[in-house]
ModelCIF file with pLDDT and N, C-alpha, C, O atoms, coordinates in Angstrom:
data_MODEL
#
_entry.id   MODEL 
#
_entity.id                         1 
_entity.type                       polymer 
_entity.pdbx_number_of_molecules   1 
#
_entity_poly.entity_id                      1 
_entity_poly.type                           'polypeptide(L)' 
_entity_poly.nstd_linkage                   no 
_entity_poly.nstd_monomer                   no 
_entity_poly.pdbx_seq_one_letter_code       
;(UNK)(UNK)(UNK)(UNK)(UNK)(UNK)(UNK)(UNK)(UNK)(UNK)(UNK)(UNK)(UNK)(UNK)(UNK)(UNK)
(UNK)(UNK)(UNK)(UNK)(UNK)(UNK)(UNK)(UNK)(UNK)(UNK)(UNK)(UNK)(UNK)(UNK)(UNK)(UNK)
(UNK)(UNK)(UNK)(UNK)(UNK)(UNK)(UNK)(UNK)(UNK)(UNK)(UNK)(UNK)(UNK)(UNK)
;
_entity_poly.pdbx_seq_one_letter_code_can   XXXXXXXXXXXXXXXXXXXXXXXXXXXXXXXXXXXXXXXXXXXXXX 
_entity_poly.pdbx_strand_id                 A 
#
loop_
_entity_poly_seq.entity_id 
_entity_poly_seq.num 
_entity_poly_seq.mon_id 
_entity_poly_seq.hetero 
1 1  UNK n 
1 2  UNK n 
1 3  UNK n 
1 4  UNK n 
1 5  UNK n 
1 6  UNK n 
1 7  UNK n 
1 8  UNK n 
1 9  UNK n 
1 10 UNK n 
1 11 UNK n 
1 12 UNK n 
1 13 UNK n 
1 14 UNK n 
1 15 UNK n 
1 16 UNK n 
1 17 UNK n 
1 18 UNK n 
1 19 UNK n 
1 20 UNK n 
1 21 UNK n 
1 22 UNK n 
1 23 UNK n 
1 24 UNK n 
1 25 UNK n 
1 26 UNK n 
1 27 UNK n 
1 28 UNK n 
1 29 UNK n 
1 30 UNK n 
1 31 UNK n 
1 32 UNK n 
1 33 UNK n 
1 34 UNK n 
1 35 UNK n 
1 36 UNK n 
1 37 UNK n 
1 38 UNK n 
1 39 UNK n 
1 40 UNK n 
1 41 UNK n 
1 42 UNK n 
1 43 UNK n 
1 44 UNK n 
1 45 UNK n 
1 46 UNK n 
#
_struct_asym.id          A 
_struct_asym.entity_id   1 
#
loop_
_ma_qa_metric.id 
_ma_qa_metric.mode 
_ma_qa_metric.name 
_ma_qa_metric.software_group_id 
_ma_qa_metric.type 
1 global pLDDT . pLDDT 
2 local  pLDDT . pLDDT 
#
_ma_qa_metric_global.metric_id      1 
_ma_qa_metric_global.metric_value   94.46 
_ma_qa_metric_global.model_id       1 
_ma_qa_metric_global.ordinal_id     1 
#
loop_
_ma_qa_metric_local.label_asym_id 
_ma_qa_metric_local.label_comp_id 
_ma_qa_metric_local.label_seq_id 
_ma_qa_metric_local.metric_id 
_ma_qa_metric_local.metric_value 
_ma_qa_metric_local.model_id 
_ma_qa_metric_local.ordinal_id 
A UNK 1  2 98.00 1 1  
A UNK 2  2 98.00 1 2  
A UNK 3  2 98.00 1 3  
A UNK 4  2 98.00 1 4  
A UNK 5  2 98.00 1 5  
A UNK 6  2 98.00 1 6  
A UNK 7  2 97.00 1 7  
A UNK 8  2 95.00 1 8  
A UNK 9  2 91.00 1 9  
A UNK 10 2 87.00 1 10 
A UNK 11 2 82.00 1 11 
A UNK 12 2 84.00 1 12 
A UNK 13 2 86.00 1 13 
A UNK 14 2 87.00 1 14 
A UNK 15 2 92.00 1 15 
A UNK 16 2 93.00 1 16 
A UNK 17 2 96.00 1 17 
A UNK 18 2 98.00 1 18 
A UNK 19 2 98.00 1 19 
A UNK 20 2 98.00 1 20 
A UNK 21 2 98.00 1 21 
A UNK 22 2 98.00 1 22 
A UNK 23 2 98.00 1 23 
A UNK 24 2 98.00 1 24 
A UNK 25 2 98.00 1 25 
A UNK 26 2 97.00 1 26 
A UNK 27 2 98.00 1 27 
A UNK 28 2 98.00 1 28 
A UNK 29 2 98.00 1 29 
A UNK 30 2 98.00 1 30 
A UNK 31 2 98.00 1 31 
A UNK 32 2 98.00 1 32 
A UNK 33 2 97.00 1 33 
A UNK 34 2 96.00 1 34 
A UNK 35 2 94.00 1 35 
A UNK 36 2 93.00 1 36 
A UNK 37 2 91.00 1 37 
A UNK 38 2 89.00 1 38 
A UNK 39 2 89.00 1 39 
A UNK 40 2 85.00 1 40 
A UNK 41 2 90.00 1 41 
A UNK 42 2 92.00 1 42 
A UNK 43 2 94.00 1 43 
A UNK 44 2 95.00 1 44 
A UNK 45 2 96.00 1 45 
A UNK 46 2 97.00 1 46 
#
loop_
_atom_site.group_PDB 
_atom_site.id 
_atom_site.type_symbol 
_atom_site.label_atom_id 
_atom_site.label_alt_id 
_atom_site.label_comp_id 
_atom_site.label_asym_id 
_atom_site.label_entity_id 
_atom_site.label_seq_id 
_atom_site.pdbx_PDB_ins_code 
_atom_site.Cartn_x 
_atom_site.Cartn_y 
_atom_site.Cartn_z 
_atom_site.occupancy 
_atom_site.B_iso_or_equiv 
_atom_site.pdbx_formal_charge 
_atom_site.auth_seq_id 
_atom_site.auth_comp_id 
_atom_site.auth_asym_id 
_atom_site.auth_atom_id 
_atom_site.pdbx_PDB_model_num 
ATOM 1   N N  . UNK A 1 1  ? 46.790 -46.574 -28.047 1.00 98.00 ? 1  UNK A N  1 
ATOM 2   C CA . UNK A 1 1  ? 48.250 -46.667 -28.075 1.00 98.00 ? 1  UNK A CA 1 
ATOM 3   C C  . UNK A 1 1  ? 48.936 -45.325 -27.896 1.00 98.00 ? 1  UNK A C  1 
ATOM 4   O O  . UNK A 1 1  ? 50.162 -45.269 -27.798 1.00 98.00 ? 1  UNK A O  1 
ATOM 5   N N  . UNK A 1 2  ? 48.178 -44.256 -27.853 1.00 98.00 ? 2  UNK A N  1 
ATOM 6   C CA . UNK A 1 2  ? 48.738 -42.914 -27.736 1.00 98.00 ? 2  UNK A CA 1 
ATOM 7   C C  . UNK A 1 2  ? 49.589 -42.794 -26.470 1.00 98.00 ? 2  UNK A C  1 
ATOM 8   O O  . UNK A 1 2  ? 49.162 -43.166 -25.377 1.00 98.00 ? 2  UNK A O  1 
ATOM 9   N N  . UNK A 1 3  ? 50.785 -42.273 -26.644 1.00 98.00 ? 3  UNK A N  1 
ATOM 10  C CA . UNK A 1 3  ? 51.703 -42.136 -25.530 1.00 98.00 ? 3  UNK A CA 1 
ATOM 11  C C  . UNK A 1 3  ? 52.598 -43.335 -25.308 1.00 98.00 ? 3  UNK A C  1 
ATOM 12  O O  . UNK A 1 3  ? 53.568 -43.252 -24.555 1.00 98.00 ? 3  UNK A O  1 
ATOM 13  N N  . UNK A 1 4  ? 52.287 -44.453 -25.952 1.00 98.00 ? 4  UNK A N  1 
ATOM 14  C CA . UNK A 1 4  ? 53.088 -45.665 -25.812 1.00 98.00 ? 4  UNK A CA 1 
ATOM 15  C C  . UNK A 1 4  ? 53.811 -46.047 -27.095 1.00 98.00 ? 4  UNK A C  1 
ATOM 16  O O  . UNK A 1 4  ? 54.927 -46.566 -27.056 1.00 98.00 ? 4  UNK A O  1 
ATOM 17  N N  . UNK A 1 5  ? 53.172 -45.790 -28.234 1.00 98.00 ? 5  UNK A N  1 
ATOM 18  C CA . UNK A 1 5  ? 53.727 -46.158 -29.535 1.00 98.00 ? 5  UNK A CA 1 
ATOM 19  C C  . UNK A 1 5  ? 54.204 -44.912 -30.277 1.00 98.00 ? 5  UNK A C  1 
ATOM 20  O O  . UNK A 1 5  ? 53.655 -43.824 -30.104 1.00 98.00 ? 5  UNK A O  1 
ATOM 21  N N  . UNK A 1 6  ? 55.225 -45.086 -31.099 1.00 98.00 ? 6  UNK A N  1 
ATOM 22  C CA . UNK A 1 6  ? 55.733 -44.012 -31.931 1.00 98.00 ? 6  UNK A CA 1 
ATOM 23  C C  . UNK A 1 6  ? 55.978 -44.533 -33.340 1.00 98.00 ? 6  UNK A C  1 
ATOM 24  O O  . UNK A 1 6  ? 56.690 -45.519 -33.531 1.00 98.00 ? 6  UNK A O  1 
ATOM 25  N N  . UNK A 1 7  ? 55.385 -43.863 -34.325 1.00 97.00 ? 7  UNK A N  1 
ATOM 26  C CA . UNK A 1 7  ? 55.579 -44.247 -35.719 1.00 97.00 ? 7  UNK A CA 1 
ATOM 27  C C  . UNK A 1 7  ? 56.568 -43.288 -36.372 1.00 97.00 ? 7  UNK A C  1 
ATOM 28  O O  . UNK A 1 7  ? 56.590 -42.098 -36.060 1.00 97.00 ? 7  UNK A O  1 
ATOM 29  N N  . UNK A 1 8  ? 57.382 -43.812 -37.276 1.00 95.00 ? 8  UNK A N  1 
ATOM 30  C CA . UNK A 1 8  ? 58.339 -42.992 -37.994 1.00 95.00 ? 8  UNK A CA 1 
ATOM 31  C C  . UNK A 1 8  ? 58.555 -43.567 -39.388 1.00 95.00 ? 8  UNK A C  1 
ATOM 32  O O  . UNK A 1 8  ? 58.236 -44.727 -39.651 1.00 95.00 ? 8  UNK A O  1 
ATOM 33  N N  . UNK A 1 9  ? 59.098 -42.746 -40.270 1.00 91.00 ? 9  UNK A N  1 
ATOM 34  C CA . UNK A 1 9  ? 59.383 -43.199 -41.627 1.00 91.00 ? 9  UNK A CA 1 
ATOM 35  C C  . UNK A 1 9  ? 60.731 -42.657 -42.076 1.00 91.00 ? 9  UNK A C  1 
ATOM 36  O O  . UNK A 1 9  ? 61.138 -41.559 -41.696 1.00 91.00 ? 9  UNK A O  1 
ATOM 37  N N  . UNK A 1 10 ? 61.407 -43.443 -42.886 1.00 87.00 ? 10 UNK A N  1 
ATOM 38  C CA . UNK A 1 10 ? 62.670 -43.055 -43.473 1.00 87.00 ? 10 UNK A CA 1 
ATOM 39  C C  . UNK A 1 10 ? 62.503 -43.180 -44.977 1.00 87.00 ? 10 UNK A C  1 
ATOM 40  O O  . UNK A 1 10 ? 62.567 -44.278 -45.529 1.00 87.00 ? 10 UNK A O  1 
ATOM 41  N N  . UNK A 1 11 ? 62.287 -42.053 -45.632 1.00 82.00 ? 11 UNK A N  1 
ATOM 42  C CA . UNK A 1 11 ? 62.015 -42.074 -47.063 1.00 82.00 ? 11 UNK A CA 1 
ATOM 43  C C  . UNK A 1 11 ? 63.211 -42.538 -47.889 1.00 82.00 ? 11 UNK A C  1 
ATOM 44  O O  . UNK A 1 11 ? 63.040 -43.116 -48.962 1.00 82.00 ? 11 UNK A O  1 
ATOM 45  N N  . UNK A 1 12 ? 64.412 -42.286 -47.394 1.00 84.00 ? 12 UNK A N  1 
ATOM 46  C CA . UNK A 1 12 ? 65.605 -42.712 -48.109 1.00 84.00 ? 12 UNK A CA 1 
ATOM 47  C C  . UNK A 1 12 ? 65.760 -44.228 -48.095 1.00 84.00 ? 12 UNK A C  1 
ATOM 48  O O  . UNK A 1 12 ? 66.219 -44.818 -49.073 1.00 84.00 ? 12 UNK A O  1 
ATOM 49  N N  . UNK A 1 13 ? 65.382 -44.853 -46.995 1.00 86.00 ? 13 UNK A N  1 
ATOM 50  C CA . UNK A 1 13 ? 65.510 -46.301 -46.848 1.00 86.00 ? 13 UNK A CA 1 
ATOM 51  C C  . UNK A 1 13 ? 64.232 -47.058 -47.175 1.00 86.00 ? 13 UNK A C  1 
ATOM 52  O O  . UNK A 1 13 ? 64.220 -48.289 -47.175 1.00 86.00 ? 13 UNK A O  1 
ATOM 53  N N  . UNK A 1 14 ? 63.161 -46.332 -47.452 1.00 87.00 ? 14 UNK A N  1 
ATOM 54  C CA . UNK A 1 14 ? 61.870 -46.946 -47.761 1.00 87.00 ? 14 UNK A CA 1 
ATOM 55  C C  . UNK A 1 14 ? 61.361 -47.825 -46.618 1.00 87.00 ? 14 UNK A C  1 
ATOM 56  O O  . UNK A 1 14 ? 60.890 -48.941 -46.838 1.00 87.00 ? 14 UNK A O  1 
ATOM 57  N N  . UNK A 1 15 ? 61.463 -47.306 -45.406 1.00 92.00 ? 15 UNK A N  1 
ATOM 58  C CA . UNK A 1 15 ? 61.043 -48.075 -44.248 1.00 92.00 ? 15 UNK A CA 1 
ATOM 59  C C  . UNK A 1 15 ? 60.074 -47.290 -43.377 1.00 92.00 ? 15 UNK A C  1 
ATOM 60  O O  . UNK A 1 15 ? 60.081 -46.060 -43.358 1.00 92.00 ? 15 UNK A O  1 
ATOM 61  N N  . UNK A 1 16 ? 59.251 -48.026 -42.665 1.00 93.00 ? 16 UNK A N  1 
ATOM 62  C CA . UNK A 1 16 ? 58.315 -47.489 -41.692 1.00 93.00 ? 16 UNK A CA 1 
ATOM 63  C C  . UNK A 1 16 ? 58.499 -48.276 -40.404 1.00 93.00 ? 16 UNK A C  1 
ATOM 64  O O  . UNK A 1 16 ? 58.445 -49.506 -40.416 1.00 93.00 ? 16 UNK A O  1 
ATOM 65  N N  . UNK A 1 17 ? 58.712 -47.586 -39.305 1.00 96.00 ? 17 UNK A N  1 
ATOM 66  C CA . UNK A 1 17 ? 58.935 -48.242 -38.026 1.00 96.00 ? 17 UNK A CA 1 
ATOM 67  C C  . UNK A 1 17 ? 57.825 -47.923 -37.038 1.00 96.00 ? 17 UNK A C  1 
ATOM 68  O O  . UNK A 1 17 ? 57.179 -46.878 -37.115 1.00 96.00 ? 17 UNK A O  1 
ATOM 69  N N  . UNK A 1 18 ? 57.622 -48.838 -36.119 1.00 98.00 ? 18 UNK A N  1 
ATOM 70  C CA . UNK A 1 18 ? 56.686 -48.626 -35.030 1.00 98.00 ? 18 UNK A CA 1 
ATOM 71  C C  . UNK A 1 18 ? 57.359 -49.062 -33.740 1.00 98.00 ? 18 UNK A C  1 
ATOM 72  O O  . UNK A 1 18 ? 57.555 -50.254 -33.502 1.00 98.00 ? 18 UNK A O  1 
ATOM 73  N N  . UNK A 1 19 ? 57.712 -48.092 -32.912 1.00 98.00 ? 19 UNK A N  1 
ATOM 74  C CA . UNK A 1 19 ? 58.279 -48.374 -31.602 1.00 98.00 ? 19 UNK A CA 1 
ATOM 75  C C  . UNK A 1 19 ? 57.144 -48.552 -30.615 1.00 98.00 ? 19 UNK A C  1 
ATOM 76  O O  . UNK A 1 19 ? 56.322 -47.653 -30.438 1.00 98.00 ? 19 UNK A O  1 
ATOM 77  N N  . UNK A 1 20 ? 57.095 -49.706 -29.973 1.00 98.00 ? 20 UNK A N  1 
ATOM 78  C CA . UNK A 1 20 ? 56.017 -50.035 -29.052 1.00 98.00 ? 20 UNK A CA 1 
ATOM 79  C C  . UNK A 1 20 ? 56.587 -50.222 -27.656 1.00 98.00 ? 20 UNK A C  1 
ATOM 80  O O  . UNK A 1 20 ? 57.395 -51.120 -27.419 1.00 98.00 ? 20 UNK A O  1 
ATOM 81  N N  . UNK A 1 21 ? 56.163 -49.374 -26.740 1.00 98.00 ? 21 UNK A N  1 
ATOM 82  C CA . UNK A 1 21 ? 56.611 -49.431 -25.360 1.00 98.00 ? 21 UNK A CA 1 
ATOM 83  C C  . UNK A 1 21 ? 55.435 -49.724 -24.439 1.00 98.00 ? 21 UNK A C  1 
ATOM 84  O O  . UNK A 1 21 ? 54.274 -49.576 -24.822 1.00 98.00 ? 21 UNK A O  1 
ATOM 85  N N  . UNK A 1 22 ? 55.753 -50.139 -23.228 1.00 98.00 ? 22 UNK A N  1 
ATOM 86  C CA . UNK A 1 22 ? 54.732 -50.427 -22.219 1.00 98.00 ? 22 UNK A CA 1 
ATOM 87  C C  . UNK A 1 22 ? 53.635 -51.318 -22.771 1.00 98.00 ? 22 UNK A C  1 
ATOM 88  O O  . UNK A 1 22 ? 52.448 -51.029 -22.625 1.00 98.00 ? 22 UNK A O  1 
ATOM 89  N N  . UNK A 1 23 ? 54.043 -52.390 -23.399 1.00 98.00 ? 23 UNK A N  1 
ATOM 90  C CA . UNK A 1 23 ? 53.093 -53.273 -24.067 1.00 98.00 ? 23 UNK A CA 1 
ATOM 91  C C  . UNK A 1 23 ? 52.155 -53.953 -23.076 1.00 98.00 ? 23 UNK A C  1 
ATOM 92  O O  . UNK A 1 23 ? 52.539 -54.304 -21.960 1.00 98.00 ? 23 UNK A O  1 
ATOM 93  N N  . UNK A 1 24 ? 50.924 -54.125 -23.515 1.00 98.00 ? 24 UNK A N  1 
ATOM 94  C CA . UNK A 1 24 ? 49.871 -54.743 -22.723 1.00 98.00 ? 24 UNK A CA 1 
ATOM 95  C C  . UNK A 1 24 ? 49.356 -55.987 -23.426 1.00 98.00 ? 24 UNK A C  1 
ATOM 96  O O  . UNK A 1 24 ? 49.497 -56.109 -24.642 1.00 98.00 ? 24 UNK A O  1 
ATOM 97  N N  . UNK A 1 25 ? 48.758 -56.918 -22.679 1.00 98.00 ? 25 UNK A N  1 
ATOM 98  C CA . UNK A 1 25 ? 48.203 -58.114 -23.319 1.00 98.00 ? 25 UNK A CA 1 
ATOM 99  C C  . UNK A 1 25 ? 47.214 -57.783 -24.433 1.00 98.00 ? 25 UNK A C  1 
ATOM 100 O O  . UNK A 1 25 ? 47.137 -58.515 -25.420 1.00 98.00 ? 25 UNK A O  1 
ATOM 101 N N  . UNK A 1 26 ? 46.466 -56.706 -24.296 1.00 97.00 ? 26 UNK A N  1 
ATOM 102 C CA . UNK A 1 26 ? 45.504 -56.326 -25.320 1.00 97.00 ? 26 UNK A CA 1 
ATOM 103 C C  . UNK A 1 26 ? 46.151 -55.818 -26.605 1.00 97.00 ? 26 UNK A C  1 
ATOM 104 O O  . UNK A 1 26 ? 45.458 -55.596 -27.598 1.00 97.00 ? 26 UNK A O  1 
ATOM 105 N N  . UNK A 1 27 ? 47.472 -55.632 -26.598 1.00 98.00 ? 27 UNK A N  1 
ATOM 106 C CA . UNK A 1 27 ? 48.195 -55.281 -27.813 1.00 98.00 ? 27 UNK A CA 1 
ATOM 107 C C  . UNK A 1 27 ? 48.485 -56.508 -28.676 1.00 98.00 ? 27 UNK A C  1 
ATOM 108 O O  . UNK A 1 27 ? 48.949 -56.373 -29.808 1.00 98.00 ? 27 UNK A O  1 
ATOM 109 N N  . UNK A 1 28 ? 48.216 -57.683 -28.156 1.00 98.00 ? 28 UNK A N  1 
ATOM 110 C CA . UNK A 1 28 ? 48.448 -58.915 -28.901 1.00 98.00 ? 28 UNK A CA 1 
ATOM 111 C C  . UNK A 1 28 ? 47.615 -58.922 -30.173 1.00 98.00 ? 28 UNK A C  1 
ATOM 112 O O  . UNK A 1 28 ? 46.393 -58.784 -30.126 1.00 98.00 ? 28 UNK A O  1 
ATOM 113 N N  . UNK A 1 29 ? 48.280 -59.084 -31.306 1.00 98.00 ? 29 UNK A N  1 
ATOM 114 C CA . UNK A 1 29 ? 47.610 -59.049 -32.602 1.00 98.00 ? 29 UNK A CA 1 
ATOM 115 C C  . UNK A 1 29 ? 48.627 -59.319 -33.704 1.00 98.00 ? 29 UNK A C  1 
ATOM 116 O O  . UNK A 1 29 ? 49.835 -59.357 -33.470 1.00 98.00 ? 29 UNK A O  1 
ATOM 117 N N  . UNK A 1 30 ? 48.106 -59.502 -34.901 1.00 98.00 ? 30 UNK A N  1 
ATOM 118 C CA . UNK A 1 30 ? 48.948 -59.481 -36.082 1.00 98.00 ? 30 UNK A CA 1 
ATOM 119 C C  . UNK A 1 30 ? 49.002 -58.037 -36.561 1.00 98.00 ? 30 UNK A C  1 
ATOM 120 O O  . UNK A 1 30 ? 47.964 -57.404 -36.754 1.00 98.00 ? 30 UNK A O  1 
ATOM 121 N N  . UNK A 1 31 ? 50.190 -57.526 -36.750 1.00 98.00 ? 31 UNK A N  1 
ATOM 122 C CA . UNK A 1 31 ? 50.381 -56.144 -37.155 1.00 98.00 ? 31 UNK A CA 1 
ATOM 123 C C  . UNK A 1 31 ? 50.721 -56.078 -38.637 1.00 98.00 ? 31 UNK A C  1 
ATOM 124 O O  . UNK A 1 31 ? 51.593 -56.800 -39.121 1.00 98.00 ? 31 UNK A O  1 
ATOM 125 N N  . UNK A 1 32 ? 50.018 -55.201 -39.352 1.00 98.00 ? 32 UNK A N  1 
ATOM 126 C CA . UNK A 1 32 ? 50.165 -55.074 -40.792 1.00 98.00 ? 32 UNK A CA 1 
ATOM 127 C C  . UNK A 1 32 ? 50.670 -53.690 -41.173 1.00 98.00 ? 32 UNK A C  1 
ATOM 128 O O  . UNK A 1 32 ? 50.186 -52.679 -40.664 1.00 98.00 ? 32 UNK A O  1 
ATOM 129 N N  . UNK A 1 33 ? 51.628 -53.658 -42.055 1.00 97.00 ? 33 UNK A N  1 
ATOM 130 C CA . UNK A 1 33 ? 52.128 -52.414 -42.624 1.00 97.00 ? 33 UNK A CA 1 
ATOM 131 C C  . UNK A 1 33 ? 51.267 -52.021 -43.823 1.00 97.00 ? 33 UNK A C  1 
ATOM 132 O O  . UNK A 1 33 ? 50.809 -52.880 -44.576 1.00 97.00 ? 33 UNK A O  1 
ATOM 133 N N  . UNK A 1 34 ? 51.053 -50.725 -43.994 1.00 96.00 ? 34 UNK A N  1 
ATOM 134 C CA . UNK A 1 34 ? 50.231 -50.233 -45.091 1.00 96.00 ? 34 UNK A CA 1 
ATOM 135 C C  . UNK A 1 34 ? 50.788 -48.930 -45.652 1.00 96.00 ? 34 UNK A C  1 
ATOM 136 O O  . UNK A 1 34 ? 51.229 -48.057 -44.903 1.00 96.00 ? 34 UNK A O  1 
ATOM 137 N N  . UNK A 1 35 ? 50.764 -48.809 -46.972 1.00 94.00 ? 35 UNK A N  1 
ATOM 138 C CA . UNK A 1 35 ? 51.099 -47.559 -47.645 1.00 94.00 ? 35 UNK A CA 1 
ATOM 139 C C  . UNK A 1 35 ? 49.968 -47.225 -48.592 1.00 94.00 ? 35 UNK A C  1 
ATOM 140 O O  . UNK A 1 35 ? 49.598 -48.038 -49.439 1.00 94.00 ? 35 UNK A O  1 
ATOM 141 N N  . UNK A 1 36 ? 49.422 -46.040 -48.452 1.00 93.00 ? 36 UNK A N  1 
ATOM 142 C CA . UNK A 1 36 ? 48.259 -45.619 -49.219 1.00 93.00 ? 36 UNK A CA 1 
ATOM 143 C C  . UNK A 1 36 ? 48.551 -44.329 -49.957 1.00 93.00 ? 36 UNK A C  1 
ATOM 144 O O  . UNK A 1 36 ? 48.950 -43.335 -49.351 1.00 93.00 ? 36 UNK A O  1 
ATOM 145 N N  . UNK A 1 37 ? 48.353 -44.343 -51.271 1.00 91.00 ? 37 UNK A N  1 
ATOM 146 C CA . UNK A 1 37 ? 48.566 -43.161 -52.081 1.00 91.00 ? 37 UNK A CA 1 
ATOM 147 C C  . UNK A 1 37 ? 47.374 -42.235 -52.044 1.00 91.00 ? 37 UNK A C  1 
ATOM 148 O O  . UNK A 1 37 ? 46.237 -42.666 -51.849 1.00 91.00 ? 37 UNK A O  1 
ATOM 149 N N  . UNK A 1 38 ? 47.646 -40.957 -52.235 1.00 89.00 ? 38 UNK A N  1 
ATOM 150 C CA . UNK A 1 38 ? 46.584 -39.965 -52.265 1.00 89.00 ? 38 UNK A CA 1 
ATOM 151 C C  . UNK A 1 38 ? 45.628 -40.237 -53.420 1.00 89.00 ? 38 UNK A C  1 
ATOM 152 O O  . UNK A 1 38 ? 46.027 -40.729 -54.475 1.00 89.00 ? 38 UNK A O  1 
ATOM 153 N N  . UNK A 1 39 ? 44.369 -39.909 -53.200 1.00 89.00 ? 39 UNK A N  1 
ATOM 154 C CA . UNK A 1 39 ? 43.326 -40.033 -54.220 1.00 89.00 ? 39 UNK A CA 1 
ATOM 155 C C  . UNK A 1 39 ? 43.147 -41.462 -54.727 1.00 89.00 ? 39 UNK A C  1 
ATOM 156 O O  . UNK A 1 39 ? 42.740 -41.668 -55.870 1.00 89.00 ? 39 UNK A O  1 
ATOM 157 N N  . UNK A 1 40 ? 43.445 -42.437 -53.890 1.00 85.00 ? 40 UNK A N  1 
ATOM 158 C CA . UNK A 1 40 ? 43.226 -43.830 -54.237 1.00 85.00 ? 40 UNK A CA 1 
ATOM 159 C C  . UNK A 1 40 ? 44.141 -44.376 -55.311 1.00 85.00 ? 40 UNK A C  1 
ATOM 160 O O  . UNK A 1 40 ? 43.790 -45.345 -55.984 1.00 85.00 ? 40 UNK A O  1 
ATOM 161 N N  . UNK A 1 41 ? 45.301 -43.780 -55.487 1.00 90.00 ? 41 UNK A N  1 
ATOM 162 C CA . UNK A 1 41 ? 46.206 -44.217 -56.537 1.00 90.00 ? 41 UNK A CA 1 
ATOM 163 C C  . UNK A 1 41 ? 46.786 -45.606 -56.281 1.00 90.00 ? 41 UNK A C  1 
ATOM 164 O O  . UNK A 1 41 ? 47.043 -46.352 -57.226 1.00 90.00 ? 41 UNK A O  1 
ATOM 165 N N  . UNK A 1 42 ? 46.992 -45.957 -55.017 1.00 92.00 ? 42 UNK A N  1 
ATOM 166 C CA . UNK A 1 42 ? 47.465 -47.282 -54.669 1.00 92.00 ? 42 UNK A CA 1 
ATOM 167 C C  . UNK A 1 42 ? 47.224 -47.549 -53.198 1.00 92.00 ? 42 UNK A C  1 
ATOM 168 O O  . UNK A 1 42 ? 47.017 -46.624 -52.412 1.00 92.00 ? 42 UNK A O  1 
ATOM 169 N N  . UNK A 1 43 ? 47.251 -48.817 -52.832 1.00 94.00 ? 43 UNK A N  1 
ATOM 170 C CA . UNK A 1 43 ? 47.024 -49.237 -51.458 1.00 94.00 ? 43 UNK A CA 1 
ATOM 171 C C  . UNK A 1 43 ? 47.704 -50.589 -51.260 1.00 94.00 ? 43 UNK A C  1 
ATOM 172 O O  . UNK A 1 43 ? 47.190 -51.622 -51.688 1.00 94.00 ? 43 UNK A O  1 
ATOM 173 N N  . UNK A 1 44 ? 48.856 -50.571 -50.612 1.00 95.00 ? 44 UNK A N  1 
ATOM 174 C CA . UNK A 1 44 ? 49.656 -51.775 -50.450 1.00 95.00 ? 44 UNK A CA 1 
ATOM 175 C C  . UNK A 1 44 ? 49.665 -52.253 -49.007 1.00 95.00 ? 44 UNK A C  1 
ATOM 176 O O  . UNK A 1 44 ? 49.658 -51.452 -48.072 1.00 95.00 ? 44 UNK A O  1 
ATOM 177 N N  . UNK A 1 45 ? 49.682 -53.580 -48.839 1.00 96.00 ? 45 UNK A N  1 
ATOM 178 C CA . UNK A 1 45 ? 49.694 -54.211 -47.521 1.00 96.00 ? 45 UNK A CA 1 
ATOM 179 C C  . UNK A 1 45 ? 50.809 -55.227 -47.408 1.00 96.00 ? 45 UNK A C  1 
ATOM 180 O O  . UNK A 1 45 ? 51.161 -55.892 -48.382 1.00 96.00 ? 45 UNK A O  1 
ATOM 181 N N  . UNK A 1 46 ? 51.366 -55.343 -46.208 1.00 97.00 ? 46 UNK A N  1 
ATOM 182 C CA . UNK A 1 46 ? 52.298 -56.405 -45.916 1.00 97.00 ? 46 UNK A CA 1 
ATOM 183 C C  . UNK A 1 46 ? 51.566 -57.660 -45.489 1.00 97.00 ? 46 UNK A C  1 
ATOM 184 O O  . UNK A 1 46 ? 52.199 -58.675 -45.198 1.00 97.00 ? 46 UNK A O  1 
#
């Protein structure tokens, strides 16, 4: 996905975005959001 996708975060709004351009059929999937704390403190999934 390098060069096609861009990830960003807004700490004030508690959001994570993924801009996906030039999409291909092989990009078809279920996409999951994840937040992982340092040293295994937490690991959350959407």
